[in-house]
Amino acid sequence: MNKLAARVMRAKMMGRTEEAASLEAELQRAKAALAQAPPPPPKPVVSMSAAGGEVEVGVPNEMVGHIIGKEGASLAALRKESGARTKITSQPQPQPQPQPQP
């Protein structure tokens, strides 16, 4: 989109008003399409404490069931095989903000 904006500015600076108007319309359509696109999915959060040997992994709410497994089977297997202690906490997912309409 930045390249398109640069082309608009270049056309305006060169006095090519018809080309600038056409490119400006294309730029506005690209901006509108971008505003309508859904936000990207949240990235998992992974952090490690060197002193405590702790690892924190953030999982989107809709994926937690896959990690836990049916009746906790997947989580139990993870604990058994790795010796890990697990803790599941609930943190609200950020809600997408509505885009202002021009």
PDB file of N, CA and C in Angstrom:
ATOM      1  N   MET A   1       0.826  -1.177   0.000  1.00  0.00           N
ATOM      2  CA  MET A   1       0.000   0.000   0.000  1.00  0.00           C
ATOM      3  C   MET A   1       0.880   1.254   0.000  1.00  0.00           C
ATOM      4  N   ASN A   2       2.064   1.175   0.658  1.00  0.00           N
ATOM      5  CA  ASN A   2       2.956   2.328   0.678  1.00  0.00           C
ATOM      6  C   ASN A   2       3.441   2.676  -0.728  1.00  0.00           C
ATOM      7  N   LYS A   3       3.709   1.648  -1.542  1.00  0.00           N
ATOM      8  CA  LYS A   3       4.157   1.900  -2.908  1.00  0.00           C
ATOM      9  C   LYS A   3       3.064   2.603  -3.708  1.00  0.00           C
ATOM     10  N   LEU A   4       1.828   2.200  -3.478  1.00  0.00           N
ATOM     11  CA  LEU A   4       0.705   2.829  -4.172  1.00  0.00           C
ATOM     12  C   LEU A   4       0.573   4.289  -3.756  1.00  0.00           C
ATOM     13  N   ALA A   5       0.725   4.564  -2.473  1.00  0.00           N
ATOM     14  CA  ALA A   5       0.660   5.946  -1.983  1.00  0.00           C
ATOM     15  C   ALA A   5       1.793   6.778  -2.591  1.00  0.00           C
ATOM     16  N   ALA A   6       2.966   6.179  -2.722  1.00  0.00           N
ATOM     17  CA  ALA A   6       4.089   6.887  -3.328  1.00  0.00           C
ATOM     18  C   ALA A   6       3.805   7.192  -4.806  1.00  0.00           C
ATOM     19  N   ARG A   7       3.162   6.257  -5.497  1.00  0.00           N
ATOM     20  CA  ARG A   7       2.815   6.491  -6.900  1.00  0.00           C
ATOM     21  C   ARG A   7       1.817   7.643  -7.019  1.00  0.00           C
ATOM     22  N   VAL A   8       0.873   7.721  -6.068  1.00  0.00           N
ATOM     23  CA  VAL A   8      -0.102   8.819  -6.075  1.00  0.00           C
ATOM     24  C   VAL A   8       0.630  10.145  -5.923  1.00  0.00           C
ATOM     25  N   MET A   9       1.531  10.207  -4.955  1.00  0.00           N
ATOM     26  CA  MET A   9       2.259  11.456  -4.702  1.00  0.00           C
ATOM     27  C   MET A   9       3.115  11.849  -5.909  1.00  0.00           C
ATOM     28  N   ARG A  10       3.768  10.864  -6.512  1.00  0.00           N
ATOM     29  CA  ARG A  10       4.619  11.138  -7.671  1.00  0.00           C
ATOM     30  C   ARG A  10       3.777  11.695  -8.826  1.00  0.00           C
ATOM     31  N   ALA A  11       2.615  11.086  -9.065  1.00  0.00           N
ATOM     32  CA  ALA A  11       1.744  11.563 -10.143  1.00  0.00           C
ATOM     33  C   ALA A  11       1.279  12.989  -9.862  1.00  0.00           C
ATOM     34  N   LYS A  12       0.956  13.295  -8.604  1.00  0.00           N
ATOM     35  CA  LYS A  12       0.534  14.658  -8.252  1.00  0.00           C
ATOM     36  C   LYS A  12       1.673  15.649  -8.463  1.00  0.00           C
ATOM     37  N   MET A  13       2.878  15.262  -8.048  1.00  0.00           N
ATOM     38  CA  MET A  13       4.033  16.155  -8.186  1.00  0.00           C
ATOM     39  C   MET A  13       4.377  16.411  -9.650  1.00  0.00           C
ATOM     40  N   MET A  14       4.113  15.436 -10.505  1.00  0.00           N
ATOM     41  CA  MET A  14       4.417  15.567 -11.928  1.00  0.00           C
ATOM     42  C   MET A  14       3.283  16.258 -12.684  1.00  0.00           C
ATOM     43  N   GLY A  15       2.202  16.580 -11.986  1.00  0.00           N
ATOM     44  CA  GLY A  15       1.096  17.275 -12.619  1.00  0.00           C
ATOM     45  C   GLY A  15       0.182  16.370 -13.431  1.00  0.00           C
ATOM     46  N   ARG A  16       0.277  15.084 -13.233  1.00  0.00           N
ATOM     47  CA  ARG A  16      -0.570  14.134 -13.964  1.00  0.00           C
ATOM     48  C   ARG A  16      -1.831  13.884 -13.136  1.00  0.00           C
ATOM     49  N   THR A  17      -2.767  14.803 -13.241  1.00  0.00           N
ATOM     50  CA  THR A  17      -3.941  14.789 -12.375  1.00  0.00           C
ATOM     51  C   THR A  17      -4.862  13.596 -12.623  1.00  0.00           C
ATOM     52  N   GLU A  18      -5.048  13.200 -13.874  1.00  0.00           N
ATOM     53  CA  GLU A  18      -5.919  12.052 -14.152  1.00  0.00           C
ATOM     54  C   GLU A  18      -5.325  10.766 -13.578  1.00  0.00           C
ATOM     55  N   GLU A  19      -4.022  10.589 -13.776  1.00  0.00           N
ATOM     56  CA  GLU A  19      -3.358   9.401 -13.228  1.00  0.00           C
ATOM     57  C   GLU A  19      -3.414   9.421 -11.703  1.00  0.00           C
ATOM     58  N   ALA A  20      -3.193  10.595 -11.114  1.00  0.00           N
ATOM     59  CA  ALA A  20      -3.229  10.729  -9.660  1.00  0.00           C
ATOM     60  C   ALA A  20      -4.615  10.390  -9.121  1.00  0.00           C
ATOM     61  N   ALA A  21      -5.652  10.860  -9.802  1.00  0.00           N
ATOM     62  CA  ALA A  21      -7.016  10.583  -9.361  1.00  0.00           C
ATOM     63  C   ALA A  21      -7.322   9.087  -9.437  1.00  0.00           C
ATOM     64  N   SER A  22      -6.884   8.453 -10.519  1.00  0.00           N
ATOM     65  CA  SER A  22      -7.102   7.014 -10.673  1.00  0.00           C
ATOM     66  C   SER A  22      -6.371   6.227  -9.581  1.00  0.00           C
ATOM     67  N   LEU A  23      -5.114   6.603  -9.333  1.00  0.00           N
ATOM     68  CA  LEU A  23      -4.331   5.923  -8.299  1.00  0.00           C
ATOM     69  C   LEU A  23      -4.912   6.189  -6.910  1.00  0.00           C
ATOM     70  N   GLU A  24      -5.390   7.395  -6.695  1.00  0.00           N
ATOM     71  CA  GLU A  24      -6.005   7.752  -5.403  1.00  0.00           C
ATOM     72  C   GLU A  24      -7.228   6.877  -5.143  1.00  0.00           C
ATOM     73  N   ALA A  25      -8.043   6.669  -6.177  1.00  0.00           N
ATOM     74  CA  ALA A  25      -9.222   5.807  -6.037  1.00  0.00           C
ATOM     75  C   ALA A  25      -8.796   4.374  -5.727  1.00  0.00           C
ATOM     76  N   GLU A  26      -7.745   3.907  -6.390  1.00  0.00           N
ATOM     77  CA  GLU A  26      -7.238   2.556  -6.129  1.00  0.00           C
ATOM     78  C   GLU A  26      -6.722   2.450  -4.697  1.00  0.00           C
ATOM     79  N   LEU A  27      -6.045   3.485  -4.236  1.00  0.00           N
ATOM     80  CA  LEU A  27      -5.532   3.500  -2.859  1.00  0.00           C
ATOM     81  C   LEU A  27      -6.690   3.460  -1.858  1.00  0.00           C
ATOM     82  N   GLN A  28      -7.747   4.208  -2.106  1.00  0.00           N
ATOM     83  CA  GLN A  28      -8.903   4.211  -1.204  1.00  0.00           C
ATOM     84  C   GLN A  28      -9.575   2.840  -1.164  1.00  0.00           C
ATOM     85  N   ARG A  29      -9.660   2.171  -2.323  1.00  0.00           N
ATOM     86  CA  ARG A  29     -10.236   0.820  -2.346  1.00  0.00           C
ATOM     87  C   ARG A  29      -9.373  -0.146  -1.541  1.00  0.00           C
ATOM     88  N   ALA A  30      -8.049  -0.015  -1.653  1.00  0.00           N
ATOM     89  CA  ALA A  30      -7.134  -0.890  -0.901  1.00  0.00           C
ATOM     90  C   ALA A  30      -7.276  -0.647   0.599  1.00  0.00           C
ATOM     91  N   LYS A  31      -7.405   0.607   0.998  1.00  0.00           N
ATOM     92  CA  LYS A  31      -7.590   0.929   2.421  1.00  0.00           C
ATOM     93  C   LYS A  31      -8.905   0.355   2.942  1.00  0.00           C
ATOM     94  N   ALA A  32      -9.954   0.469   2.138  1.00  0.00           N
ATOM     95  CA  ALA A  32     -11.262  -0.051   2.552  1.00  0.00           C
ATOM     96  C   ALA A  32     -11.213  -1.571   2.692  1.00  0.00           C
ATOM     97  N   ALA A  33     -10.534  -2.237   1.764  1.00  0.00           N
ATOM     98  CA  ALA A  33     -10.409  -3.696   1.838  1.00  0.00           C
ATOM     99  C   ALA A  33      -9.624  -4.106   3.070  1.00  0.00           C
ATOM    100  N   LEU A  34      -8.580  -3.355   3.391  1.00  0.00           N
ATOM    101  CA  LEU A  34      -7.770  -3.660   4.570  1.00  0.00           C
ATOM    102  C   LEU A  34      -8.576  -3.470   5.850  1.00  0.00           C
ATOM    103  N   ALA A  35      -9.415  -2.445   5.881  1.00  0.00           N
ATOM    104  CA  ALA A  35     -10.244  -2.185   7.064  1.00  0.00           C
ATOM    105  C   ALA A  35     -11.267  -3.291   7.278  1.00  0.00           C
ATOM    106  N   GLN A  36     -11.716  -3.938   6.193  1.00  0.00           N
ATOM    107  CA  GLN A  36     -12.715  -4.996   6.294  1.00  0.00           C
ATOM    108  C   GLN A  36     -12.108  -6.354   6.615  1.00  0.00           C
ATOM    109  N   ALA A  37     -10.793  -6.494   6.455  1.00  0.00           N
ATOM    110  CA  ALA A  37     -10.139  -7.784   6.686  1.00  0.00           C
ATOM    111  C   ALA A  37     -10.184  -8.124   8.175  1.00  0.00           C
ATOM    112  N   PRO A  38     -10.371  -9.399   8.514  1.00  0.00           N
ATOM    113  CA  PRO A  38     -10.371  -9.773   9.928  1.00  0.00           C
ATOM    114  C   PRO A  38      -8.968  -9.615  10.500  1.00  0.00           C
ATOM    115  N   PRO A  39      -8.882  -9.355  11.794  1.00  0.00           N
ATOM    116  CA  PRO A  39      -7.557  -9.206  12.390  1.00  0.00           C
ATOM    117  C   PRO A  39      -6.825 -10.540  12.376  1.00  0.00           C
ATOM    118  N   PRO A  40      -5.510 -10.513  12.353  1.00  0.00           N
ATOM    119  CA  PRO A  40      -4.767 -11.771  12.374  1.00  0.00           C
ATOM    120  C   PRO A  40      -4.985 -12.483  13.703  1.00  0.00           C
ATOM    121  N   PRO A  41      -4.882 -13.815  13.724  1.00  0.00           N
ATOM    122  CA  PRO A  41      -5.068 -14.528  14.985  1.00  0.00           C
ATOM    123  C   PRO A  41      -3.963 -14.161  15.968  1.00  0.00           C
ATOM    124  N   PRO A  42      -4.268 -14.205  17.257  1.00  0.00           N
ATOM    125  CA  PRO A  42      -3.238 -13.862  18.233  1.00  0.00           C
ATOM    126  C   PRO A  42      -2.109 -14.877  18.196  1.00  0.00           C
ATOM    127  N   LYS A  43      -0.896 -14.391  18.390  1.00  0.00           N
ATOM    128  CA  LYS A  43       0.263 -15.276  18.425  1.00  0.00           C
ATOM    129  C   LYS A  43       0.377 -15.865  19.827  1.00  0.00           C
ATOM    130  N   PRO A  44       0.782 -17.137  19.919  1.00  0.00           N
ATOM    131  CA  PRO A  44       0.965 -17.716  21.245  1.00  0.00           C
ATOM    132  C   PRO A  44       2.040 -16.956  22.015  1.00  0.00           C
ATOM    133  N   VAL A  45       1.830 -16.821  23.303  1.00  0.00           N
ATOM    134  CA  VAL A  45       2.795 -16.151  24.160  1.00  0.00           C
ATOM    135  C   VAL A  45       3.653 -17.220  24.807  1.00  0.00           C
ATOM    136  N   VAL A  46       4.944 -17.117  24.637  1.00  0.00           N
ATOM    137  CA  VAL A  46       5.851 -18.061  25.261  1.00  0.00           C
ATOM    138  C   VAL A  46       6.893 -17.254  26.009  1.00  0.00           C
ATOM    139  N   SER A  47       7.039 -17.522  27.289  1.00  0.00           N
ATOM    140  CA  SER A  47       8.078 -16.861  28.066  1.00  0.00           C
ATOM    141  C   SER A  47       8.708 -17.883  28.997  1.00  0.00           C
ATOM    142  N   MET A  48       9.960 -17.653  29.324  1.00  0.00           N
ATOM    143  CA  MET A  48      10.666 -18.608  30.180  1.00  0.00           C
ATOM    144  C   MET A  48      11.389 -17.850  31.273  1.00  0.00           C
ATOM    145  N   SER A  49      11.305 -18.362  32.481  1.00  0.00           N
ATOM    146  CA  SER A  49      12.033 -17.816  33.607  1.00  0.00           C
ATOM    147  C   SER A  49      13.280 -18.663  33.796  1.00  0.00           C
ATOM    148  N   ALA A  50      14.448 -18.065  33.631  1.00  0.00           N
ATOM    149  CA  ALA A  50      15.709 -18.813  33.725  1.00  0.00           C
ATOM    150  C   ALA A  50      15.907 -19.373  35.134  1.00  0.00           C
ATOM    151  N   ALA A  51      15.534 -18.607  36.137  1.00  0.00           N
ATOM    152  CA  ALA A  51      15.772 -19.052  37.512  1.00  0.00           C
ATOM    153  C   ALA A  51      14.849 -20.201  37.900  1.00  0.00           C
ATOM    154  N   GLY A  52      13.585 -20.113  37.558  1.00  0.00           N
ATOM    155  CA  GLY A  52      12.626 -21.114  37.998  1.00  0.00           C
ATOM    156  C   GLY A  52      12.400 -22.237  37.012  1.00  0.00           C
ATOM    157  N   GLY A  53      12.922 -22.123  35.824  1.00  0.00           N
ATOM    158  CA  GLY A  53      12.683 -23.156  34.821  1.00  0.00           C
ATOM    159  C   GLY A  53      11.227 -23.235  34.423  1.00  0.00           C
ATOM    160  N   GLU A  54      10.546 -22.129  34.448  1.00  0.00           N
ATOM    161  CA  GLU A  54       9.130 -22.105  34.103  1.00  0.00           C
ATOM    162  C   GLU A  54       8.952 -21.645  32.672  1.00  0.00           C
ATOM    163  N   VAL A  55       7.971 -22.214  32.018  1.00  0.00           N
ATOM    164  CA  VAL A  55       7.614 -21.807  30.665  1.00  0.00           C
ATOM    165  C   VAL A  55       6.133 -21.496  30.672  1.00  0.00           C
ATOM    166  N   GLU A  56       5.794 -20.341  30.115  1.00  0.00           N
ATOM    167  CA  GLU A  56       4.386 -19.951  30.008  1.00  0.00           C
ATOM    168  C   GLU A  56       4.032 -19.940  28.535  1.00  0.00           C
ATOM    169  N   VAL A  57       2.983 -20.650  28.184  1.00  0.00           N
ATOM    170  CA  VAL A  57       2.544 -20.722  26.800  1.00  0.00           C
ATOM    171  C   VAL A  57       1.111 -20.228  26.730  1.00  0.00           C
ATOM    172  N   GLY A  58       0.880 -19.189  25.948  1.00  0.00           N
ATOM    173  CA  GLY A  58      -0.466 -18.667  25.758  1.00  0.00           C
ATOM    174  C   GLY A  58      -1.148 -19.414  24.620  1.00  0.00           C
ATOM    175  N   VAL A  59      -2.366 -19.822  24.843  1.00  0.00           N
ATOM    176  CA  VAL A  59      -3.134 -20.569  23.851  1.00  0.00           C
ATOM    177  C   VAL A  59      -4.464 -19.852  23.648  1.00  0.00           C
ATOM    178  N   PRO A  60      -4.864 -19.606  22.393  1.00  0.00           N
ATOM    179  CA  PRO A  60      -6.173 -18.967  22.173  1.00  0.00           C
ATOM    180  C   PRO A  60      -7.295 -19.789  22.806  1.00  0.00           C
ATOM    181  N   ASN A  61      -8.295 -19.097  23.326  1.00  0.00           N
ATOM    182  CA  ASN A  61      -9.396 -19.764  24.035  1.00  0.00           C
ATOM    183  C   ASN A  61     -10.012 -20.909  23.240  1.00  0.00           C
ATOM    184  N   GLU A  62     -10.161 -20.710  21.923  1.00  0.00           N
ATOM    185  CA  GLU A  62     -10.815 -21.747  21.133  1.00  0.00           C
ATOM    186  C   GLU A  62      -9.943 -22.999  20.943  1.00  0.00           C
ATOM    187  N   MET A  63      -8.670 -22.951  21.332  1.00  0.00           N
ATOM    188  CA  MET A  63      -7.778 -24.092  21.165  1.00  0.00           C
ATOM    189  C   MET A  63      -7.507 -24.842  22.480  1.00  0.00           C
ATOM    190  N   VAL A  64      -7.948 -24.278  23.597  1.00  0.00           N
ATOM    191  CA  VAL A  64      -7.651 -24.870  24.900  1.00  0.00           C
ATOM    192  C   VAL A  64      -8.170 -26.301  25.001  1.00  0.00           C
ATOM    193  N   GLY A  65      -9.344 -26.564  24.463  1.00  0.00           N
ATOM    194  CA  GLY A  65      -9.912 -27.915  24.508  1.00  0.00           C
ATOM    195  C   GLY A  65      -9.025 -28.940  23.835  1.00  0.00           C
ATOM    196  N   HIS A  66      -8.334 -28.538  22.771  1.00  0.00           N
ATOM    197  CA  HIS A  66      -7.427 -29.462  22.087  1.00  0.00           C
ATOM    198  C   HIS A  66      -6.222 -29.799  22.963  1.00  0.00           C
ATOM    199  N   ILE A  67      -5.760 -28.828  23.718  1.00  0.00           N
ATOM    200  CA  ILE A  67      -4.615 -29.055  24.605  1.00  0.00           C
ATOM    201  C   ILE A  67      -5.020 -29.967  25.756  1.00  0.00           C
ATOM    202  N   ILE A  68      -6.182 -29.722  26.327  1.00  0.00           N
ATOM    203  CA  ILE A  68      -6.641 -30.517  27.468  1.00  0.00           C
ATOM    204  C   ILE A  68      -7.008 -31.927  27.013  1.00  0.00           C
ATOM    205  N   GLY A  69      -7.687 -32.051  25.891  1.00  0.00           N
ATOM    206  CA  GLY A  69      -8.095 -33.364  25.394  1.00  0.00           C
ATOM    207  C   GLY A  69      -9.365 -33.848  26.062  1.00  0.00           C
ATOM    208  N   LYS A  70      -9.891 -34.934  25.521  1.00  0.00           N
ATOM    209  CA  LYS A  70     -11.134 -35.487  26.051  1.00  0.00           C
ATOM    210  C   LYS A  70     -10.912 -35.959  27.475  1.00  0.00           C
ATOM    211  N   GLU A  71     -11.725 -35.432  28.384  1.00  0.00           N
ATOM    212  CA  GLU A  71     -11.658 -35.736  29.814  1.00  0.00           C
ATOM    213  C   GLU A  71     -10.257 -35.517  30.385  1.00  0.00           C
ATOM    214  N   GLY A  72      -9.484 -34.586  29.768  1.00  0.00           N
ATOM    215  CA  GLY A  72      -8.162 -34.251  30.281  1.00  0.00           C
ATOM    216  C   GLY A  72      -7.062 -35.215  29.877  1.00  0.00           C
ATOM    217  N   ALA A  73      -7.344 -36.118  28.936  1.00  0.00           N
ATOM    218  CA  ALA A  73      -6.381 -37.165  28.585  1.00  0.00           C
ATOM    219  C   ALA A  73      -5.078 -36.601  28.016  1.00  0.00           C
ATOM    220  N   SER A  74      -5.159 -35.627  27.120  1.00  0.00           N
ATOM    221  CA  SER A  74      -3.939 -35.073  26.514  1.00  0.00           C
ATOM    222  C   SER A  74      -3.085 -34.362  27.549  1.00  0.00           C
ATOM    223  N   LEU A  75      -3.717 -33.599  28.402  1.00  0.00           N
ATOM    224  CA  LEU A  75      -2.982 -32.884  29.444  1.00  0.00           C
ATOM    225  C   LEU A  75      -2.364 -33.860  30.430  1.00  0.00           C
ATOM    226  N   ALA A  76      -3.093 -34.903  30.784  1.00  0.00           N
ATOM    227  CA  ALA A  76      -2.563 -35.920  31.700  1.00  0.00           C
ATOM    228  C   ALA A  76      -1.351 -36.623  31.088  1.00  0.00           C
ATOM    229  N   ALA A  77      -1.422 -36.924  29.785  1.00  0.00           N
ATOM    230  CA  ALA A  77      -0.293 -37.571  29.112  1.00  0.00           C
ATOM    231  C   ALA A  77       0.918 -36.644  29.088  1.00  0.00           C
ATOM    232  N   LEU A  78       0.700 -35.383  28.833  1.00  0.00           N
ATOM    233  CA  LEU A  78       1.784 -34.401  28.834  1.00  0.00           C
ATOM    234  C   LEU A  78       2.454 -34.345  30.198  1.00  0.00           C
ATOM    235  N   ARG A  79       1.655 -34.309  31.242  1.00  0.00           N
ATOM    236  CA  ARG A  79       2.198 -34.281  32.600  1.00  0.00           C
ATOM    237  C   ARG A  79       2.988 -35.540  32.907  1.00  0.00           C
ATOM    238  N   LYS A  80       2.440 -36.691  32.529  1.00  0.00           N
ATOM    239  CA  LYS A  80       3.081 -37.975  32.830  1.00  0.00           C
ATOM    240  C   LYS A  80       4.403 -38.130  32.078  1.00  0.00           C
ATOM    241  N   GLU A  81       4.394 -37.827  30.769  1.00  0.00           N
ATOM    242  CA  GLU A  81       5.582 -38.026  29.946  1.00  0.00           C
ATOM    243  C   GLU A  81       6.695 -37.029  30.237  1.00  0.00           C
ATOM    244  N   SER A  82       6.335 -35.819  30.589  1.00  0.00           N
ATOM    245  CA  SER A  82       7.356 -34.779  30.769  1.00  0.00           C
ATOM    246  C   SER A  82       7.650 -34.460  32.222  1.00  0.00           C
ATOM    247  N   GLY A  83       6.772 -34.850  33.104  1.00  0.00           N
ATOM    248  CA  GLY A  83       6.939 -34.483  34.504  1.00  0.00           C
ATOM    249  C   GLY A  83       6.563 -33.034  34.760  1.00  0.00           C
ATOM    250  N   ALA A  84       5.940 -32.428  33.777  1.00  0.00           N
ATOM    251  CA  ALA A  84       5.575 -31.015  33.897  1.00  0.00           C
ATOM    252  C   ALA A  84       4.412 -30.823  34.852  1.00  0.00           C
ATOM    253  N   ARG A  85       4.423 -29.688  35.510  1.00  0.00           N
ATOM    254  CA  ARG A  85       3.259 -29.257  36.269  1.00  0.00           C
ATOM    255  C   ARG A  85       2.581 -28.211  35.417  1.00  0.00           C
ATOM    256  N   THR A  86       1.293 -28.301  35.312  1.00  0.00           N
ATOM    257  CA  THR A  86       0.565 -27.372  34.457  1.00  0.00           C
ATOM    258  C   THR A  86      -0.447 -26.583  35.254  1.00  0.00           C
ATOM    259  N   LYS A  87      -0.695 -25.395  34.781  1.00  0.00           N
ATOM    260  CA  LYS A  87      -1.708 -24.537  35.386  1.00  0.00           C
ATOM    261  C   LYS A  87      -2.427 -23.840  34.249  1.00  0.00           C
ATOM    262  N   ILE A  88      -3.732 -23.896  34.256  1.00  0.00           N
ATOM    263  CA  ILE A  88      -4.526 -23.247  33.225  1.00  0.00           C
ATOM    264  C   ILE A  88      -5.269 -22.085  33.865  1.00  0.00           C
ATOM    265  N   THR A  89      -5.042 -20.912  33.315  1.00  0.00           N
ATOM    266  CA  THR A  89      -5.734 -19.720  33.797  1.00  0.00           C
ATOM    267  C   THR A  89      -6.510 -19.128  32.636  1.00  0.00           C
ATOM    268  N   SER A  90      -7.497 -18.354  32.967  1.00  0.00           N
ATOM    269  CA  SER A  90      -8.324 -17.732  31.939  1.00  0.00           C
ATOM    270  C   SER A  90      -7.980 -16.257  31.857  1.00  0.00           C
ATOM    271  N   GLN A  91      -7.619 -15.819  30.665  1.00  0.00           N
ATOM    272  CA  GLN A  91      -7.407 -14.402  30.419  1.00  0.00           C
ATOM    273  C   GLN A  91      -8.267 -14.027  29.232  1.00  0.00           C
ATOM    274  N   PRO A  92      -8.970 -12.913  29.325  1.00  0.00           N
ATOM    275  CA  PRO A  92      -9.857 -12.531  28.221  1.00  0.00           C
ATOM    276  C   PRO A  92      -9.067 -12.245  26.954  1.00  0.00           C
ATOM    277  N   GLN A  93      -9.623 -12.670  25.828  1.00  0.00           N
ATOM    278  CA  GLN A  93      -9.024 -12.389  24.527  1.00  0.00           C
ATOM    279  C   GLN A  93      -9.369 -10.959  24.138  1.00  0.00           C
ATOM    280  N   PRO A  94      -8.415 -10.223  23.549  1.00  0.00           N
ATOM    281  CA  PRO A  94      -8.762  -8.864  23.098  1.00  0.00           C
ATOM    282  C   PRO A  94      -9.789  -8.926  21.976  1.00  0.00           C
ATOM    283  N   GLN A  95     -10.764  -8.047  22.063  1.00  0.00           N
ATOM    284  CA  GLN A  95     -11.820  -7.996  21.053  1.00  0.00           C
ATOM    285  C   GLN A  95     -11.388  -7.051  19.942  1.00  0.00           C
ATOM    286  N   PRO A  96     -11.662  -7.404  18.674  1.00  0.00           N
ATOM    287  CA  PRO A  96     -11.301  -6.494  17.593  1.00  0.00           C
ATOM    288  C   PRO A  96     -12.063  -5.183  17.709  1.00  0.00           C
ATOM    289  N   GLN A  97     -11.359  -4.100  17.455  1.00  0.00           N
ATOM    290  CA  GLN A  97     -11.967  -2.776  17.526  1.00  0.00           C
ATOM    291  C   GLN A  97     -12.617  -2.466  16.185  1.00  0.00           C
ATOM    292  N   PRO A  98     -13.841  -1.930  16.203  1.00  0.00           N
ATOM    293  CA  PRO A  98     -14.478  -1.561  14.927  1.00  0.00           C
ATOM    294  C   PRO A  98     -13.688  -0.435  14.262  1.00  0.00           C
ATOM    295  N   GLN A  99     -13.564  -0.531  12.956  1.00  0.00           N
ATOM    296  CA  GLN A  99     -12.845   0.481  12.188  1.00  0.00           C
ATOM    297  C   GLN A  99     -13.798   1.632  11.880  1.00  0.00           C
ATOM    298  N   PRO A 100     -13.328   2.876  12.079  1.00  0.00           N
ATOM    299  CA  PRO A 100     -14.206   4.003  11.743  1.00  0.00           C
ATOM    300  C   PRO A 100     -14.433   4.053  10.243  1.00  0.00           C
ATOM    301  N   GLN A 101     -15.662   4.368   9.878  1.00  0.00           N
ATOM    302  CA  GLN A 101     -16.024   4.457   8.462  1.00  0.00           C
ATOM    303  C   GLN A 101     -15.729   5.879   7.979  1.00  0.00           C
ATOM    304  N   PRO A 102     -15.063   5.987   6.798  1.00  0.00           N
ATOM    305  CA  PRO A 102     -14.757   7.343   6.282  1.00  0.00           C
ATOM    306  C   PRO A 102     -15.978   8.081   5.817  1.00  0.00           C
TER     307      PRO A 102
END
